[in-house]
Amino acid sequence: MRRDASGRGHSGGILIEQCGLKGTRFGGAMIGARHANFLLNVRGATASDIRRLAEHASRQVHDRFGVQLEEEALYLGDWSQWQTTGDLSHS
């Protein structure tokens, strides 16, 4: 899912886990319960579900540890109108 953009060697999965996000769901997407660096499609997740959940995890890690995680996934299509809310209550 994500890696430490600073190159300081922080494991994205461990940082996400330390934020208590294992098993967190949004729409059909879920942060892996076994390994927090995996986003799973558990119920027909949309690309927006996946992206919103990834950005939520990244924001939580940054707020708690001051570490900026970098996306390892490549999103296809036009995302120019994408707006990040960081709030999983909005779909």
PDB file of N, CA and C in Angstrom:
ATOM      1  N   MET A   1       0.816  -1.184   0.000  1.00  0.00           N
ATOM      2  CA  MET A   1       0.000   0.000   0.000  1.00  0.00           C
ATOM      3  C   MET A   1       0.860   1.247   0.000  1.00  0.00           C
ATOM      4  N   ARG A   2       1.592   1.462   1.092  1.00  0.00           N
ATOM      5  CA  ARG A   2       2.339   2.708   1.231  1.00  0.00           C
ATOM      6  C   ARG A   2       3.699   2.449   1.834  1.00  0.00           C
ATOM      7  N   ARG A   3       4.616   3.361   1.537  1.00  0.00           N
ATOM      8  CA  ARG A   3       5.955   3.284   2.120  1.00  0.00           C
ATOM      9  C   ARG A   3       6.329   4.654   2.660  1.00  0.00           C
ATOM     10  N   ASP A   4       7.311   4.694   3.504  1.00  0.00           N
ATOM     11  CA  ASP A   4       7.813   5.929   4.101  1.00  0.00           C
ATOM     12  C   ASP A   4       8.492   6.759   3.019  1.00  0.00           C
ATOM     13  N   ALA A   5       7.958   7.940   2.727  1.00  0.00           N
ATOM     14  CA  ALA A   5       8.493   8.803   1.679  1.00  0.00           C
ATOM     15  C   ALA A   5       9.836   9.412   2.058  1.00  0.00           C
ATOM     16  N   SER A   6      10.163   9.457   3.335  1.00  0.00           N
ATOM     17  CA  SER A   6      11.407  10.093   3.778  1.00  0.00           C
ATOM     18  C   SER A   6      12.629   9.221   3.532  1.00  0.00           C
ATOM     19  N   GLY A   7      12.404   7.937   3.305  1.00  0.00           N
ATOM     20  CA  GLY A   7      13.523   7.030   3.133  1.00  0.00           C
ATOM     21  C   GLY A   7      14.198   6.659   4.448  1.00  0.00           C
ATOM     22  N   ARG A   8      13.575   6.974   5.573  1.00  0.00           N
ATOM     23  CA  ARG A   8      14.156   6.686   6.884  1.00  0.00           C
ATOM     24  C   ARG A   8      13.966   5.231   7.302  1.00  0.00           C
ATOM     25  N   GLY A   9      13.293   4.452   6.472  1.00  0.00           N
ATOM     26  CA  GLY A   9      13.167   3.032   6.757  1.00  0.00           C
ATOM     27  C   GLY A   9      11.993   2.627   7.614  1.00  0.00           C
ATOM     28  N   HIS A  10      11.062   3.526   7.863  1.00  0.00           N
ATOM     29  CA  HIS A  10       9.877   3.145   8.629  1.00  0.00           C
ATOM     30  C   HIS A  10       9.007   2.220   7.784  1.00  0.00           C
ATOM     31  N   SER A  11       8.502   1.173   8.377  1.00  0.00           N
ATOM     32  CA  SER A  11       7.582   0.271   7.693  1.00  0.00           C
ATOM     33  C   SER A  11       6.178   0.861   7.728  1.00  0.00           C
ATOM     34  N   GLY A  12       5.624   1.102   6.538  1.00  0.00           N
ATOM     35  CA  GLY A  12       4.267   1.637   6.474  1.00  0.00           C
ATOM     36  C   GLY A  12       3.276   0.751   7.201  1.00  0.00           C
ATOM     37  N   GLY A  13       3.399  -0.566   7.010  1.00  0.00           N
ATOM     38  CA  GLY A  13       2.480  -1.494   7.655  1.00  0.00           C
ATOM     39  C   GLY A  13       2.539  -1.436   9.171  1.00  0.00           C
ATOM     40  N   ILE A  14       3.744  -1.344   9.713  1.00  0.00           N
ATOM     41  CA  ILE A  14       3.886  -1.279  11.171  1.00  0.00           C
ATOM     42  C   ILE A  14       3.311   0.024  11.710  1.00  0.00           C
ATOM     43  N   LEU A  15       3.568   1.135  11.023  1.00  0.00           N
ATOM     44  CA  LEU A  15       3.033   2.422  11.472  1.00  0.00           C
ATOM     45  C   LEU A  15       1.506   2.437  11.414  1.00  0.00           C
ATOM     46  N   ILE A  16       0.948   1.875  10.350  1.00  0.00           N
ATOM     47  CA  ILE A  16      -0.511   1.797  10.217  1.00  0.00           C
ATOM     48  C   ILE A  16      -1.081   0.927  11.333  1.00  0.00           C
ATOM     49  N   GLU A  17      -0.418  -0.187  11.611  1.00  0.00           N
ATOM     50  CA  GLU A  17      -0.849  -1.071  12.702  1.00  0.00           C
ATOM     51  C   GLU A  17      -0.792  -0.346  14.045  1.00  0.00           C
ATOM     52  N   GLN A  18       0.278   0.412  14.297  1.00  0.00           N
ATOM     53  CA  GLN A  18       0.421   1.125  15.564  1.00  0.00           C
ATOM     54  C   GLN A  18      -0.638   2.214  15.731  1.00  0.00           C
ATOM     55  N   CYS A  19      -1.253   2.620  14.633  1.00  0.00           N
ATOM     56  CA  CYS A  19      -2.373   3.568  14.707  1.00  0.00           C
ATOM     57  C   CYS A  19      -3.691   2.850  14.989  1.00  0.00           C
ATOM     58  N   GLY A  20      -3.646   1.528  15.093  1.00  0.00           N
ATOM     59  CA  GLY A  20      -4.847   0.756  15.398  1.00  0.00           C
ATOM     60  C   GLY A  20      -5.796   0.608  14.225  1.00  0.00           C
ATOM     61  N   LEU A  21      -5.265   0.629  13.004  1.00  0.00           N
ATOM     62  CA  LEU A  21      -6.122   0.633  11.822  1.00  0.00           C
ATOM     63  C   LEU A  21      -6.332  -0.729  11.172  1.00  0.00           C
ATOM     64  N   LYS A  22      -5.696  -1.779  11.678  1.00  0.00           N
ATOM     65  CA  LYS A  22      -5.934  -3.107  11.102  1.00  0.00           C
ATOM     66  C   LYS A  22      -7.426  -3.407  11.133  1.00  0.00           C
ATOM     67  N   GLY A  23      -7.955  -3.882   9.998  1.00  0.00           N
ATOM     68  CA  GLY A  23      -9.365  -4.236   9.932  1.00  0.00           C
ATOM     69  C   GLY A  23     -10.301  -3.070   9.678  1.00  0.00           C
ATOM     70  N   THR A  24      -9.784  -1.838   9.619  1.00  0.00           N
ATOM     71  CA  THR A  24     -10.631  -0.673   9.338  1.00  0.00           C
ATOM     72  C   THR A  24     -11.228  -0.810   7.949  1.00  0.00           C
ATOM     73  N   ARG A  25     -12.528  -0.499   7.831  1.00  0.00           N
ATOM     74  CA  ARG A  25     -13.240  -0.631   6.553  1.00  0.00           C
ATOM     75  C   ARG A  25     -13.815   0.696   6.094  1.00  0.00           C
ATOM     76  N   PHE A  26     -13.886   0.832   4.782  1.00  0.00           N
ATOM     77  CA  PHE A  26     -14.625   1.923   4.163  1.00  0.00           C
ATOM     78  C   PHE A  26     -15.227   1.365   2.896  1.00  0.00           C
ATOM     79  N   GLY A  27     -16.547   1.469   2.782  1.00  0.00           N
ATOM     80  CA  GLY A  27     -17.204   0.864   1.633  1.00  0.00           C
ATOM     81  C   GLY A  27     -16.839  -0.610   1.583  1.00  0.00           C
ATOM     82  N   GLY A  28     -16.372  -1.064   0.429  1.00  0.00           N
ATOM     83  CA  GLY A  28     -15.976  -2.457   0.282  1.00  0.00           C
ATOM     84  C   GLY A  28     -14.503  -2.706   0.519  1.00  0.00           C
ATOM     85  N   ALA A  29     -13.773  -1.696   0.978  1.00  0.00           N
ATOM     86  CA  ALA A  29     -12.327  -1.811   1.188  1.00  0.00           C
ATOM     87  C   ALA A  29     -12.009  -2.008   2.663  1.00  0.00           C
ATOM     88  N   MET A  30     -10.930  -2.749   2.924  1.00  0.00           N
ATOM     89  CA  MET A  30     -10.523  -2.995   4.302  1.00  0.00           C
ATOM     90  C   MET A  30      -8.999  -3.031   4.392  1.00  0.00           C
ATOM     91  N   ILE A  31      -8.463  -2.437   5.465  1.00  0.00           N
ATOM     92  CA  ILE A  31      -7.040  -2.582   5.763  1.00  0.00           C
ATOM     93  C   ILE A  31      -6.854  -3.986   6.321  1.00  0.00           C
ATOM     94  N   GLY A  32      -5.882  -4.697   5.790  1.00  0.00           N
ATOM     95  CA  GLY A  32      -5.669  -6.090   6.163  1.00  0.00           C
ATOM     96  C   GLY A  32      -5.600  -6.319   7.662  1.00  0.00           C
ATOM     97  N   ALA A  33      -6.295  -7.340   8.129  1.00  0.00           N
ATOM     98  CA  ALA A  33      -6.288  -7.681   9.550  1.00  0.00           C
ATOM     99  C   ALA A  33      -5.010  -8.423   9.934  1.00  0.00           C
ATOM    100  N   ARG A  34      -4.355  -9.065   8.962  1.00  0.00           N
ATOM    101  CA  ARG A  34      -3.098  -9.776   9.236  1.00  0.00           C
ATOM    102  C   ARG A  34      -1.890  -8.887   8.983  1.00  0.00           C
ATOM    103  N   HIS A  35      -1.935  -8.089   7.928  1.00  0.00           N
ATOM    104  CA  HIS A  35      -0.824  -7.208   7.572  1.00  0.00           C
ATOM    105  C   HIS A  35      -1.418  -5.873   7.149  1.00  0.00           C
ATOM    106  N   ALA A  36      -1.133  -4.841   7.917  1.00  0.00           N
ATOM    107  CA  ALA A  36      -1.785  -3.542   7.724  1.00  0.00           C
ATOM    108  C   ALA A  36      -1.338  -2.805   6.472  1.00  0.00           C
ATOM    109  N   ASN A  37      -0.338  -3.297   5.764  1.00  0.00           N
ATOM    110  CA  ASN A  37       0.100  -2.607   4.555  1.00  0.00           C
ATOM    111  C   ASN A  37      -0.636  -3.110   3.313  1.00  0.00           C
ATOM    112  N   PHE A  38      -1.665  -3.926   3.510  1.00  0.00           N
ATOM    113  CA  PHE A  38      -2.464  -4.426   2.398  1.00  0.00           C
ATOM    114  C   PHE A  38      -3.874  -3.870   2.490  1.00  0.00           C
ATOM    115  N   LEU A  39      -4.370  -3.369   1.370  1.00  0.00           N
ATOM    116  CA  LEU A  39      -5.773  -2.968   1.269  1.00  0.00           C
ATOM    117  C   LEU A  39      -6.494  -4.068   0.508  1.00  0.00           C
ATOM    118  N   LEU A  40      -7.597  -4.519   1.061  1.00  0.00           N
ATOM    119  CA  LEU A  40      -8.334  -5.639   0.491  1.00  0.00           C
ATOM    120  C   LEU A  40      -9.687  -5.197  -0.026  1.00  0.00           C
ATOM    121  N   ASN A  41     -10.102  -5.809  -1.123  1.00  0.00           N
ATOM    122  CA  ASN A  41     -11.444  -5.610  -1.643  1.00  0.00           C
ATOM    123  C   ASN A  41     -12.294  -6.731  -1.059  1.00  0.00           C
ATOM    124  N   VAL A  42     -13.087  -6.403  -0.046  1.00  0.00           N
ATOM    125  CA  VAL A  42     -13.849  -7.440   0.646  1.00  0.00           C
ATOM    126  C   VAL A  42     -15.326  -7.457   0.271  1.00  0.00           C
ATOM    127  N   ARG A  43     -15.810  -6.374  -0.336  1.00  0.00           N
ATOM    128  CA  ARG A  43     -17.235  -6.315  -0.709  1.00  0.00           C
ATOM    129  C   ARG A  43     -17.443  -5.425  -1.930  1.00  0.00           C
ATOM    130  N   GLY A  44     -16.770  -5.705  -3.012  1.00  0.00           N
ATOM    131  CA  GLY A  44     -16.973  -4.925  -4.227  1.00  0.00           C
ATOM    132  C   GLY A  44     -16.515  -3.478  -4.098  1.00  0.00           C
ATOM    133  N   ALA A  45     -15.356  -3.275  -3.523  1.00  0.00           N
ATOM    134  CA  ALA A  45     -14.831  -1.918  -3.312  1.00  0.00           C
ATOM    135  C   ALA A  45     -14.642  -1.188  -4.636  1.00  0.00           C
ATOM    136  N   THR A  46     -14.916   0.099  -4.610  1.00  0.00           N
ATOM    137  CA  THR A  46     -14.611   0.950  -5.755  1.00  0.00           C
ATOM    138  C   THR A  46     -13.191   1.483  -5.591  1.00  0.00           C
ATOM    139  N   ALA A  47     -12.656   2.036  -6.669  1.00  0.00           N
ATOM    140  CA  ALA A  47     -11.334   2.669  -6.583  1.00  0.00           C
ATOM    141  C   ALA A  47     -11.364   3.806  -5.573  1.00  0.00           C
ATOM    142  N   SER A  48     -12.478   4.509  -5.497  1.00  0.00           N
ATOM    143  CA  SER A  48     -12.604   5.603  -4.522  1.00  0.00           C
ATOM    144  C   SER A  48     -12.573   5.078  -3.092  1.00  0.00           C
ATOM    145  N   ASP A  49     -13.206   3.929  -2.845  1.00  0.00           N
ATOM    146  CA  ASP A  49     -13.153   3.320  -1.509  1.00  0.00           C
ATOM    147  C   ASP A  49     -11.705   3.026  -1.123  1.00  0.00           C
ATOM    148  N   ILE A  50     -10.978   2.409  -2.041  1.00  0.00           N
ATOM    149  CA  ILE A  50      -9.580   2.052  -1.791  1.00  0.00           C
ATOM    150  C   ILE A  50      -8.751   3.307  -1.533  1.00  0.00           C
ATOM    151  N   ARG A  51      -8.922   4.293  -2.384  1.00  0.00           N
ATOM    152  CA  ARG A  51      -8.113   5.510  -2.249  1.00  0.00           C
ATOM    153  C   ARG A  51      -8.442   6.268  -0.970  1.00  0.00           C
ATOM    154  N   ARG A  52      -9.723   6.368  -0.651  1.00  0.00           N
ATOM    155  CA  ARG A  52     -10.103   7.090   0.569  1.00  0.00           C
ATOM    156  C   ARG A  52      -9.535   6.391   1.807  1.00  0.00           C
ATOM    157  N   LEU A  53      -9.594   5.067   1.830  1.00  0.00           N
ATOM    158  CA  LEU A  53      -9.057   4.323   2.964  1.00  0.00           C
ATOM    159  C   LEU A  53      -7.535   4.482   3.057  1.00  0.00           C
ATOM    160  N   ALA A  54      -6.852   4.438   1.922  1.00  0.00           N
ATOM    161  CA  ALA A  54      -5.396   4.623   1.906  1.00  0.00           C
ATOM    162  C   ALA A  54      -5.019   6.007   2.414  1.00  0.00           C
ATOM    163  N   GLU A  55      -5.750   7.020   1.988  1.00  0.00           N
ATOM    164  CA  GLU A  55      -5.445   8.382   2.418  1.00  0.00           C
ATOM    165  C   GLU A  55      -5.765   8.589   3.897  1.00  0.00           C
ATOM    166  N   HIS A  56      -6.810   7.923   4.374  1.00  0.00           N
ATOM    167  CA  HIS A  56      -7.136   7.990   5.803  1.00  0.00           C
ATOM    168  C   HIS A  56      -5.979   7.407   6.624  1.00  0.00           C
ATOM    169  N   ALA A  57      -5.479   6.245   6.207  1.00  0.00           N
ATOM    170  CA  ALA A  57      -4.365   5.611   6.921  1.00  0.00           C
ATOM    171  C   ALA A  57      -3.132   6.509   6.890  1.00  0.00           C
ATOM    172  N   SER A  58      -2.857   7.082   5.743  1.00  0.00           N
ATOM    173  CA  SER A  58      -1.696   7.963   5.609  1.00  0.00           C
ATOM    174  C   SER A  58      -1.809   9.176   6.521  1.00  0.00           C
ATOM    175  N   ARG A  59      -2.989   9.751   6.577  1.00  0.00           N
ATOM    176  CA  ARG A  59      -3.204  10.927   7.433  1.00  0.00           C
ATOM    177  C   ARG A  59      -3.048  10.566   8.912  1.00  0.00           C
ATOM    178  N   GLN A  60      -3.577   9.413   9.304  1.00  0.00           N
ATOM    179  CA  GLN A  60      -3.458   8.978  10.697  1.00  0.00           C
ATOM    180  C   GLN A  60      -1.991   8.782  11.087  1.00  0.00           C
ATOM    181  N   VAL A  61      -1.213   8.160  10.198  1.00  0.00           N
ATOM    182  CA  VAL A  61       0.213   7.942  10.460  1.00  0.00           C
ATOM    183  C   VAL A  61       0.938   9.279  10.557  1.00  0.00           C
ATOM    184  N   HIS A  62       0.640  10.192   9.646  1.00  0.00           N
ATOM    185  CA  HIS A  62       1.301  11.501   9.681  1.00  0.00           C
ATOM    186  C   HIS A  62       0.959  12.254  10.962  1.00  0.00           C
ATOM    187  N   ASP A  63      -0.312  12.242  11.333  1.00  0.00           N
ATOM    188  CA  ASP A  63      -0.735  12.960  12.542  1.00  0.00           C
ATOM    189  C   ASP A  63      -0.085  12.386  13.801  1.00  0.00           C
ATOM    190  N   ARG A  64       0.071  11.079  13.843  1.00  0.00           N
ATOM    191  CA  ARG A  64       0.606  10.441  15.052  1.00  0.00           C
ATOM    192  C   ARG A  64       2.136  10.423  15.117  1.00  0.00           C
ATOM    193  N   PHE A  65       2.777  10.170  13.971  1.00  0.00           N
ATOM    194  CA  PHE A  65       4.228   9.965  13.966  1.00  0.00           C
ATOM    195  C   PHE A  65       5.013  11.024  13.192  1.00  0.00           C
ATOM    196  N   GLY A  66       4.316  11.886  12.454  1.00  0.00           N
ATOM    197  CA  GLY A  66       5.008  12.882  11.641  1.00  0.00           C
ATOM    198  C   GLY A  66       5.702  12.288  10.427  1.00  0.00           C
ATOM    199  N   VAL A  67       5.304  11.080  10.038  1.00  0.00           N
ATOM    200  CA  VAL A  67       5.891  10.388   8.891  1.00  0.00           C
ATOM    201  C   VAL A  67       4.913  10.477   7.731  1.00  0.00           C
ATOM    202  N   GLN A  68       5.408  10.922   6.578  1.00  0.00           N
ATOM    203  CA  GLN A  68       4.575  10.998   5.381  1.00  0.00           C
ATOM    204  C   GLN A  68       4.734   9.705   4.594  1.00  0.00           C
ATOM    205  N   LEU A  69       3.644   8.978   4.426  1.00  0.00           N
ATOM    206  CA  LEU A  69       3.677   7.754   3.635  1.00  0.00           C
ATOM    207  C   LEU A  69       3.440   8.096   2.172  1.00  0.00           C
ATOM    208  N   GLU A  70       4.039   7.320   1.315  1.00  0.00           N
ATOM    209  CA  GLU A  70       3.955   7.544  -0.124  1.00  0.00           C
ATOM    210  C   GLU A  70       3.195   6.388  -0.766  1.00  0.00           C
ATOM    211  N   GLU A  71       2.326   6.719  -1.684  1.00  0.00           N
ATOM    212  CA  GLU A  71       1.516   5.737  -2.403  1.00  0.00           C
ATOM    213  C   GLU A  71       2.404   4.816  -3.239  1.00  0.00           C
ATOM    214  N   GLU A  72       2.176   3.528  -3.147  1.00  0.00           N
ATOM    215  CA  GLU A  72       2.868   2.577  -4.017  1.00  0.00           C
ATOM    216  C   GLU A  72       1.960   2.117  -5.149  1.00  0.00           C
ATOM    217  N   ALA A  73       0.678   2.385  -5.025  1.00  0.00           N
ATOM    218  CA  ALA A  73      -0.290   1.976  -6.046  1.00  0.00           C
ATOM    219  C   ALA A  73      -0.355   3.023  -7.152  1.00  0.00           C
ATOM    220  N   LEU A  74      -0.725   2.582  -8.326  1.00  0.00           N
ATOM    221  CA  LEU A  74      -0.944   3.469  -9.456  1.00  0.00           C
ATOM    222  C   LEU A  74      -2.435   3.445  -9.757  1.00  0.00           C
ATOM    223  N   TYR A  75      -3.077   4.601  -9.661  1.00  0.00           N
ATOM    224  CA  TYR A  75      -4.505   4.704  -9.957  1.00  0.00           C
ATOM    225  C   TYR A  75      -4.671   5.062 -11.423  1.00  0.00           C
ATOM    226  N   LEU A  76      -5.429   4.271 -12.144  1.00  0.00           N
ATOM    227  CA  LEU A  76      -5.661   4.518 -13.559  1.00  0.00           C
ATOM    228  C   LEU A  76      -6.889   5.388 -13.744  1.00  0.00           C
ATOM    229  N   GLY A  77      -6.944   6.106 -14.848  1.00  0.00           N
ATOM    230  CA  GLY A  77      -8.089   6.956 -15.143  1.00  0.00           C
ATOM    231  C   GLY A  77      -7.828   8.393 -14.728  1.00  0.00           C
ATOM    232  N   ASP A  78      -8.864   9.201 -14.849  1.00  0.00           N
ATOM    233  CA  ASP A  78      -8.769  10.631 -14.549  1.00  0.00           C
ATOM    234  C   ASP A  78      -9.146  10.881 -13.097  1.00  0.00           C
ATOM    235  N   TRP A  79      -8.170  11.228 -12.276  1.00  0.00           N
ATOM    236  CA  TRP A  79      -8.384  11.531 -10.861  1.00  0.00           C
ATOM    237  C   TRP A  79      -8.217  13.021 -10.594  1.00  0.00           C
ATOM    238  N   SER A  80      -8.252  13.845 -11.636  1.00  0.00           N
ATOM    239  CA  SER A  80      -7.999  15.278 -11.468  1.00  0.00           C
ATOM    240  C   SER A  80      -9.046  15.963 -10.597  1.00  0.00           C
ATOM    241  N   GLN A  81     -10.231  15.422 -10.517  1.00  0.00           N
ATOM    242  CA  GLN A  81     -11.293  16.021  -9.708  1.00  0.00           C
ATOM    243  C   GLN A  81     -11.376  15.410  -8.311  1.00  0.00           C
ATOM    244  N   TRP A  82     -10.462  14.494  -8.000  1.00  0.00           N
ATOM    245  CA  TRP A  82     -10.464  13.814  -6.703  1.00  0.00           C
ATOM    246  C   TRP A  82     -10.221  14.815  -5.594  1.00  0.00           C
ATOM    247  N   GLN A  83     -11.037  14.725  -4.560  1.00  0.00           N
ATOM    248  CA  GLN A  83     -10.864  15.587  -3.396  1.00  0.00           C
ATOM    249  C   GLN A  83     -10.689  14.708  -2.171  1.00  0.00           C
ATOM    250  N   THR A  84      -9.621  14.943  -1.471  1.00  0.00           N
ATOM    251  CA  THR A  84      -9.338  14.196  -0.258  1.00  0.00           C
ATOM    252  C   THR A  84     -10.070  14.827   0.904  1.00  0.00           C
ATOM    253  N   THR A  85     -10.804  14.015   1.644  1.00  0.00           N
ATOM    254  CA  THR A  85     -11.448  14.527   2.848  1.00  0.00           C
ATOM    255  C   THR A  85     -10.755  13.996   4.089  1.00  0.00           C
ATOM    256  N   GLY A  86     -10.182  12.792   3.975  1.00  0.00           N
ATOM    257  CA  GLY A  86      -9.555  12.181   5.136  1.00  0.00           C
ATOM    258  C   GLY A  86     -10.562  11.693   6.164  1.00  0.00           C
ATOM    259  N   ASP A  87     -11.837  11.856   5.847  1.00  0.00           N
ATOM    260  CA  ASP A  87     -12.912  11.491   6.766  1.00  0.00           C
ATOM    261  C   ASP A  87     -13.662  10.315   6.170  1.00  0.00           C
ATOM    262  N   LEU A  88     -13.633   9.191   6.822  1.00  0.00           N
ATOM    263  CA  LEU A  88     -14.273   7.999   6.273  1.00  0.00           C
ATOM    264  C   LEU A  88     -15.787   8.047   6.330  1.00  0.00           C
ATOM    265  N   SER A  89     -16.366   9.062   6.945  1.00  0.00           N
ATOM    266  CA  SER A  89     -17.826   9.136   7.002  1.00  0.00           C
ATOM    267  C   SER A  89     -18.410   9.676   5.704  1.00  0.00           C
ATOM    268  N   HIS A  90     -17.587  10.249   4.847  1.00  0.00           N
ATOM    269  CA  HIS A  90     -18.057  10.768   3.561  1.00  0.00           C
ATOM    270  C   HIS A  90     -17.757   9.762   2.478  1.00  0.00           C
ATOM    271  N   SER A  91     -18.692   9.575   1.572  1.00  0.00           N
ATOM    272  CA  SER A  91     -18.433   8.639   0.471  1.00  0.00           C
ATOM    273  C   SER A  91     -18.429   9.363  -0.849  1.00  0.00           C
TER     274      SER A  91
END
